[in-house]
C-alpha atoms as a PDB file:
ATOM      1  CA  UNK A   1      78.336 100.510 -92.630  1.00  0.00           C
ATOM      2  CA  UNK A   2      77.888  99.084 -96.167  1.00  0.00           C
ATOM      3  CA  UNK A   3      75.758  96.501 -97.852  1.00  0.00           C
ATOM      4  CA  UNK A   4      76.866  93.240 -97.898  1.00  0.00           C
ATOM      5  CA  UNK A   5      78.784  92.302-100.849  1.00  0.00           C
ATOM      6  CA  UNK A   6      80.370  89.123-102.589  1.00  0.00           C
ATOM      7  CA  UNK A   7      84.246  88.568-102.664  1.00  0.00           C
ATOM      8  CA  UNK A   8      84.949  87.402-105.967  1.00  0.00           C
ATOM      9  CA  UNK A   9      88.527  86.962-105.933  1.00  0.00           C
ATOM     10  CA  UNK A  10      90.793  85.577-103.053  1.00  0.00           C
ATOM     11  CA  UNK A  11      93.520  87.115-101.281  1.00  0.00           C
ATOM     12  CA  UNK A  12      96.755  87.869-103.343  1.00  0.00           C
ATOM     13  CA  UNK A  13      99.676  85.733-102.039  1.00  0.00           C
ATOM     14  CA  UNK A  14     102.376  87.588-100.796  1.00  0.00           C
ATOM     15  CA  UNK A  15     100.719  90.940-100.380  1.00  0.00           C
ATOM     16  CA  UNK A  16     101.683  92.296 -96.734  1.00  0.00           C
ATOM     17  CA  UNK A  17      98.422  94.181 -96.219  1.00  0.00           C
ATOM     18  CA  UNK A  18      96.190  91.591 -97.980  1.00  0.00           C
ATOM     19  CA  UNK A  19      96.259  88.369 -95.912  1.00  0.00           C
ATOM     20  CA  UNK A  20      97.522  88.796 -92.271  1.00  0.00           C
ATOM     21  CA  UNK A  21      95.957  92.522 -91.759  1.00  0.00           C
ATOM     22  CA  UNK A  22      92.463  91.757 -92.893  1.00  0.00           C
ATOM     23  CA  UNK A  23      92.377  88.533 -90.890  1.00  0.00           C
ATOM     24  CA  UNK A  24      93.524  90.198 -87.860  1.00  0.00           C
ATOM     25  CA  UNK A  25      90.894  92.623 -88.210  1.00  0.00           C
ATOM     26  CA  UNK A  26      87.832  90.062 -88.765  1.00  0.00           C
ATOM     27  CA  UNK A  27      89.469  88.144 -85.537  1.00  0.00           C
ATOM     28  CA  UNK A  28      89.435  91.281 -83.702  1.00  0.00           C
ATOM     29  CA  UNK A  29      85.997  91.796 -84.926  1.00  0.00           C
ATOM     30  CA  UNK A  30      84.578  88.612 -83.950  1.00  0.00           C
ATOM     31  CA  UNK A  31      86.217  88.570 -80.378  1.00  0.00           C
ATOM     32  CA  UNK A  32      85.024  91.814 -79.446  1.00  0.00           C
ATOM     33  CA  UNK A  33      81.629  90.508 -80.722  1.00  0.00           C
ATOM     34  CA  UNK A  34      81.689  87.434 -78.888  1.00  0.00           C
ATOM     35  CA  UNK A  35      82.734  88.918 -75.412  1.00  0.00           C
ATOM     36  CA  UNK A  36      80.638  92.558 -75.595  1.00  0.00           C
ATOM     37  CA  UNK A  37      77.838  93.009 -73.236  1.00  0.00           C
ATOM     38  CA  UNK A  38      79.002  90.007 -70.860  1.00  0.00           C
ATOM     39  CA  UNK A  39      80.826  89.562 -67.571  1.00  0.00           C
ATOM     40  CA  UNK A  40      81.926  86.321 -68.135  1.00  0.00           C
ATOM     41  CA  UNK A  41      85.547  86.603 -68.037  1.00  0.00           C
ATOM     42  CA  UNK A  42      88.409  86.448 -65.450  1.00  0.00           C
ATOM     43  CA  UNK A  43      88.326  89.287 -62.698  1.00  0.00           C
ATOM     44  CA  UNK A  44      91.781  91.197 -63.420  1.00  0.00           C
ATOM     45  CA  UNK A  45      91.034  94.093 -61.353  1.00  0.00           C
ATOM     46  CA  UNK A  46      88.100  95.774 -59.870  1.00  0.00           C
ATOM     47  CA  UNK A  47      87.128  97.351 -62.902  1.00  0.00           C
ATOM     48  CA  UNK A  48      88.534  94.894 -65.836  1.00  0.00           C
ATOM     49  CA  UNK A  49      88.449  91.191 -66.464  1.00  0.00           C
ATOM     50  CA  UNK A  50      90.015  88.943 -69.123  1.00  0.00           C
ATOM     51  CA  UNK A  51      87.671  87.653 -71.433  1.00  0.00           C
ATOM     52  CA  UNK A  52      90.000  86.605 -74.228  1.00  0.00           C
ATOM     53  CA  UNK A  53      93.706  86.001 -74.908  1.00  0.00           C
ATOM     54  CA  UNK A  54      94.744  86.349 -78.925  1.00  0.00           C
ATOM     55  CA  UNK A  55      97.598  85.790 -80.469  1.00  0.00           C
ATOM     56  CA  UNK A  56      97.520  85.794 -84.634  1.00  0.00           C
ATOM     57  CA  UNK A  57      95.367  82.738 -85.397  1.00  0.00           C
ATOM     58  CA  UNK A  58      95.379  81.696 -81.879  1.00  0.00           C
ATOM     59  CA  UNK A  59      92.811  82.614 -79.028  1.00  0.00           C
ATOM     60  CA  UNK A  60      91.726  81.583 -75.552  1.00  0.00           C
ATOM     61  CA  UNK A  61      88.369  82.036 -74.284  1.00  0.00           C
ATOM     62  CA  UNK A  62      88.190  82.628 -70.382  1.00  0.00           C
ATOM     63  CA  UNK A  63      85.139  82.070 -68.084  1.00  0.00           C
ATOM     64  CA  UNK A  64      84.196  80.956 -64.646  1.00  0.00           C
ATOM     65  CA  UNK A  65      81.791  78.517 -65.295  1.00  0.00           C
ATOM     66  CA  UNK A  66      80.430  75.933 -67.525  1.00  0.00           C
ATOM     67  CA  UNK A  67      77.419  77.683 -68.671  1.00  0.00           C
ATOM     68  CA  UNK A  68      79.326  81.027 -69.269  1.00  0.00           C
ATOM     69  CA  UNK A  69      81.772  79.080 -71.496  1.00  0.00           C
ATOM     70  CA  UNK A  70      79.085  77.448 -73.410  1.00  0.00           C
ATOM     71  CA  UNK A  71      77.639  80.808 -73.984  1.00  0.00           C
ATOM     72  CA  UNK A  72      80.815  81.860 -75.395  1.00  0.00           C
ATOM     73  CA  UNK A  73      81.617  79.275 -77.779  1.00  0.00           C
ATOM     74  CA  UNK A  74      78.222  79.238 -79.174  1.00  0.00           C
ATOM     75  CA  UNK A  75      78.594  83.085 -79.999  1.00  0.00           C
ATOM     76  CA  UNK A  76      82.016  82.478 -81.453  1.00  0.00           C
ATOM     77  CA  UNK A  77      80.833  79.645 -83.380  1.00  0.00           C
ATOM     78  CA  UNK A  78      77.649  81.924 -84.698  1.00  0.00           C
ATOM     79  CA  UNK A  79      79.697  85.182 -85.186  1.00  0.00           C
ATOM     80  CA  UNK A  80      82.521  83.506 -87.136  1.00  0.00           C
ATOM     81  CA  UNK A  81      80.430  81.391 -89.207  1.00  0.00           C
ATOM     82  CA  UNK A  82      78.878  84.665 -90.320  1.00  0.00           C
ATOM     83  CA  UNK A  83      82.237  85.958 -91.513  1.00  0.00           C
ATOM     84  CA  UNK A  84      82.863  82.601 -93.253  1.00  0.00           C
ATOM     85  CA  UNK A  85      85.793  81.632 -91.168  1.00  0.00           C
ATOM     86  CA  UNK A  86      85.527  78.064 -89.627  1.00  0.00           C
ATOM     87  CA  UNK A  87      86.841  76.790 -86.318  1.00  0.00           C
ATOM     88  CA  UNK A  88      88.553  73.471 -86.579  1.00  0.00           C
ATOM     89  CA  UNK A  89      87.010  71.370 -84.124  1.00  0.00           C
ATOM     90  CA  UNK A  90      89.826  68.696 -84.314  1.00  0.00           C
ATOM     91  CA  UNK A  91      92.172  71.516 -83.235  1.00  0.00           C
ATOM     92  CA  UNK A  92      90.186  72.877 -80.302  1.00  0.00           C
ATOM     93  CA  UNK A  93      91.060  72.202 -77.067  1.00  0.00           C
ATOM     94  CA  UNK A  94      89.211  72.534 -73.501  1.00  0.00           C
ATOM     95  CA  UNK A  95      91.198  73.108 -70.099  1.00  0.00           C
ATOM     96  CA  UNK A  96      89.128  72.774 -67.163  1.00  0.00           C
ATOM     97  CA  UNK A  97      90.359  74.018 -63.659  1.00  0.00           C
ATOM     98  CA  UNK A  98      88.961  73.096 -60.275  1.00  0.00           C
ATOM     99  CA  UNK A  99      85.841  71.723 -61.665  1.00  0.00           C
ATOM    100  CA  UNK A 100      83.611  68.554 -61.485  1.00  0.00           C
ATOM    101  CA  UNK A 101      81.342  69.024 -64.076  1.00  0.00           C
ATOM    102  CA  UNK A 102      81.976  66.773 -67.072  1.00  0.00           C
ATOM    103  CA  UNK A 103      79.436  67.845 -69.744  1.00  0.00           C
ATOM    104  CA  UNK A 104      81.563  68.883 -72.717  1.00  0.00           C
ATOM    105  CA  UNK A 105      81.266  72.617 -74.203  1.00  0.00           C
ATOM    106  CA  UNK A 106      79.894  72.081 -77.447  1.00  0.00           C
ATOM    107  CA  UNK A 107      81.044  74.561 -80.205  1.00  0.00           C
ATOM    108  CA  UNK A 108      78.110  74.166 -82.525  1.00  0.00           C
ATOM    109  CA  UNK A 109      75.428  74.221 -80.429  1.00  0.00           C
ATOM    110  CA  UNK A 110      73.715  76.885 -81.790  1.00  0.00           C
ATOM    111  CA  UNK A 111      73.689  75.509 -85.279  1.00  0.00           C
ATOM    112  CA  UNK A 112      72.350  71.907 -83.997  1.00  0.00           C
ATOM    113  CA  UNK A 113      68.885  73.573 -83.112  1.00  0.00           C
ATOM    114  CA  UNK A 114      67.832  74.038 -86.375  1.00  0.00           C
END
């Protein structure tokens, strides 16, 4: 691991390796960091579970209950902000299945406490 450094130029437009490849590396790291060390996914088999589903710049977080989803979204907001990526809360959707809890999941809960 190297020390942090500032980027002084933007991504070159049209370069196949610049934009999509680097973006996917960062998204993959963000999702692994967000979901690591927790058992908050949907059980697939006895030994595996789905924590998230990714496709290009879209992703889905999966959890069994409200508190687990709040934990994941808080960790995701904190981790992504640390890399400079921002989650567009206007494009964010939440789907609840088989629950009566009406409390909303907040994307920026961790940042409001400051």
